[in-house]
Protein backbone atom coordinates (compact mmCIF):
# COMPACT_ATOMS: atom_id res chain seq x y z
CA MET A 1 0.00 0.00 0.00
CA THR A 2 1.34 3.42 -0.93
CA THR A 3 0.87 6.43 1.22
CA LYS A 4 -0.10 9.80 -0.10
CA PRO A 5 2.40 12.62 0.25
CA PRO A 6 1.34 15.39 2.62
CA PRO A 7 -0.74 18.12 1.00
CA VAL A 8 1.22 20.98 -0.50
CA GLU A 9 0.44 24.45 0.76
CA THR A 10 -1.30 26.12 -2.15
CA GLU A 11 -2.75 29.26 -0.57
CA VAL A 12 -0.79 32.27 -1.76
CA GLY A 13 -1.47 34.12 1.50
CA SER A 14 0.12 31.39 3.62
CA LEU A 15 3.11 31.02 1.31
CA MET A 16 3.67 34.78 1.21
CA ALA A 17 3.18 34.99 4.98
CA ASN A 18 6.03 32.50 5.39
CA VAL A 19 8.26 34.54 3.06
CA LEU A 20 7.34 37.77 4.87
CA ALA A 21 7.97 36.14 8.24
CA LEU A 22 11.49 35.13 7.21
CA ASP A 23 12.19 38.64 5.92
CA LEU A 24 10.86 40.21 9.13
CA VAL A 25 13.02 37.97 11.30
CA GLU A 26 16.06 39.07 9.34
CA LEU A 27 15.02 42.73 9.52
CA THR A 28 14.47 42.67 13.29
CA GLU A 29 17.78 40.87 13.80
CA GLU A 30 19.51 43.60 11.78
CA LEU A 31 17.75 46.27 13.87
CA ALA A 32 18.85 44.55 17.08
CA ARG A 33 22.46 44.31 15.93
CA ASN A 34 22.50 47.76 14.31
CA ALA A 35 24.09 45.85 11.46
CA ILE A 36 25.27 47.06 8.10
CA ASP A 37 22.80 44.83 6.20
CA LEU A 38 19.74 46.72 7.48
CA PRO A 39 19.11 48.39 4.08
CA ALA A 40 19.19 45.02 2.30
CA ALA A 41 16.85 43.41 4.83
CA ALA A 42 14.48 46.39 4.62
CA THR A 43 14.45 46.25 0.82
CA MET A 44 13.46 42.56 0.86
CA VAL A 45 10.63 43.18 3.32
CA GLN A 46 9.32 46.12 1.28
CA ARG A 47 9.50 44.17 -1.99
CA ASP A 48 7.63 41.20 -0.56
CA PHE A 49 4.89 43.38 0.96
CA LYS A 50 4.47 45.09 -2.43
CA LEU A 51 4.01 41.66 -4.03
CA THR A 52 1.52 40.58 -1.37
CA VAL A 53 -0.59 43.72 -0.87
CA ARG A 54 -1.89 45.18 -4.13
CA SER A 55 -2.23 48.76 -2.92
CA PHE A 56 0.81 48.70 -0.60
CA LEU A 57 1.99 52.19 0.35
CA ALA A 58 4.31 51.86 3.32
CA LEU A 59 5.48 49.70 6.15
CA THR A 60 6.71 50.84 9.55
CA VAL A 61 8.67 48.93 12.16
CA THR A 62 8.55 50.74 15.50
CA VAL A 63 10.87 49.79 18.34
CA ASP A 64 9.64 51.14 21.67
CA LEU A 65 12.00 50.39 24.55
CA ASP A 66 10.99 51.00 28.15
CA ALA A 67 10.55 54.74 28.78
CA ALA A 68 12.64 55.87 25.80
CA PRO A 69 11.24 57.62 22.73
CA PRO A 70 10.31 55.10 20.03
CA VAL A 71 12.39 54.61 16.88
CA THR A 72 10.54 53.97 13.63
CA LEU A 73 11.88 52.57 10.37
CA THR A 74 9.55 53.52 7.51
CA LEU A 75 9.76 51.62 4.24
CA ALA A 76 8.10 53.31 1.27
CA ALA A 77 9.05 54.15 -2.31
CA ALA A 78 8.40 57.85 -1.60
CA PRO A 79 6.73 59.95 1.09
CA VAL A 80 3.09 58.89 1.55
CA GLU A 81 0.47 61.49 2.40
CA ALA A 82 -1.73 60.52 5.34
CA ASP A 83 -4.87 61.09 3.20
CA ASP A 84 -3.70 58.38 0.76
CA VAL A 85 -3.84 55.67 3.45
CA SER A 86 -7.18 53.83 3.55
CA SER A 87 -6.36 50.76 5.61
CA ALA A 88 -3.70 49.20 7.79
CA PHE A 89 -2.87 46.31 10.08
CA SER A 90 -0.37 46.06 12.91
CA LEU A 91 1.44 43.06 14.34
CA CYS A 92 3.34 43.06 17.62
CA LEU A 93 6.56 41.11 17.02
CA SER A 94 7.70 40.88 20.65
CA ASP A 95 6.46 39.45 23.95
CA ASP A 96 8.39 41.77 26.25
CA PRO A 97 6.24 44.74 27.35
CA ALA A 98 9.43 46.74 28.01
CA ALA A 99 10.68 46.22 24.44
CA GLN A 100 7.83 46.42 21.96
CA ILE A 101 8.48 45.91 18.24
CA VAL A 102 5.41 46.65 16.12
CA LEU A 103 5.08 46.22 12.37
CA THR A 104 2.35 48.23 10.60
CA CYS A 105 1.44 47.81 6.93
CA TYR A 106 -0.42 50.65 5.17
CA ALA A 107 -2.45 50.34 1.98
CA GLY A 108 -4.18 52.78 -0.35
CA GLN A 109 -7.36 50.74 -0.68
CA THR A 110 -9.44 48.89 1.83
CA GLU A 111 -7.66 45.55 1.84
CA TYR A 112 -8.73 42.24 3.27
CA PHE A 113 -5.87 41.99 5.75
CA ASP A 114 -7.49 39.43 8.03
CA GLU A 115 -6.02 36.37 6.34
CA LEU A 116 -2.57 37.83 5.65
CA ALA A 117 -2.22 39.23 9.18
CA THR A 118 -3.36 35.96 10.75
CA ASP A 119 -1.07 33.87 8.52
CA LEU A 120 1.84 36.20 9.25
CA ALA A 121 1.24 35.96 13.00
CA LEU A 122 1.15 32.16 12.76
CA SER A 123 4.34 32.08 10.67
CA LEU A 124 6.08 34.21 13.31
CA HIS A 125 4.66 32.07 16.15
CA ARG A 126 2.76 35.07 17.51
CA PRO A 127 -0.66 34.77 19.16
CA ARG A 128 -3.72 36.01 17.28
CA SER A 129 -4.01 38.71 19.95
CA ALA A 130 -0.77 40.24 18.60
CA VAL A 131 -2.66 41.33 15.45
CA ASP A 132 -4.54 44.64 15.27
CA LEU A 133 -6.70 44.85 12.14
CA ASP A 134 -7.84 48.38 12.91
CA PRO A 135 -4.86 50.48 14.06
CA LEU A 136 -4.93 54.25 13.97
CA LEU A 137 -4.18 55.58 10.50
CA PRO A 138 -1.32 58.08 10.26
CA LEU A 139 -2.01 61.76 10.88
CA ASP A 140 1.27 62.88 9.28
CA PRO A 141 2.98 61.82 6.05
CA LEU A 142 4.94 58.56 6.17
CA VAL A 143 8.47 59.51 5.16
CA PRO A 144 10.93 56.71 4.24
CA GLY A 145 13.85 56.34 6.61
CA LEU A 146 14.66 56.05 10.28
CA SER A 147 13.01 58.53 12.65
CA GLY A 148 13.31 59.11 16.37
CA LEU A 149 16.87 57.83 16.63
CA GLU A 150 18.30 61.14 17.90
CA GLU A 151 15.69 61.38 20.70
CA PHE A 152 16.22 57.72 21.56
CA GLN A 153 19.99 58.13 21.85
CA ALA A 154 19.63 61.33 23.88
CA ALA A 155 17.26 59.62 26.33
CA TYR A 156 19.71 56.77 26.90
CA GLU A 157 22.65 59.14 27.23
CA ASN A 158 20.71 61.11 29.89
CA ARG A 159 19.96 57.87 31.73
CA GLY A 160 23.67 57.00 31.70
CA VAL A 161 24.55 60.42 33.12
CA GLY A 162 21.87 60.01 35.79
CA ARG A 163 23.19 56.58 36.78
CA SER A 164 26.79 57.78 36.97
CA MET A 165 25.78 60.53 39.42
CA ILE A 166 24.33 58.01 41.91
């Protein structure tokens, strides 16, 4: 008797979620290491989101460490006006409340993010509760690049000075 091979994953959403998950792991590792390959990792993530979300506009990865100003990496082909964003979803990539890493994908049309967001959370071994299908839409333009780094560094430098005085 022959056995059937296991079924092959044929849903594009699940396959793309796995690809996106791998890219996001690499991107967050680069952010954590402050490594030189951050631009390459960011480019892969942006490319794969463009392939997955038809009206993709921008992607942000926000790192918010305990009582320091957040740092946000924005991936977009060009600045995106807030009025152009129609829908979004967010996914919390970390379990530590003192070190939150949140990914938010923005689109120009109302997208059906439910399946992609859920598949992405599963691929990253995140609970369904880590997904927010209705985050606040941006009030200001989304400008490509890294923002908040100066304030973040200044906050940590001030903490170091405070500790050295004790």
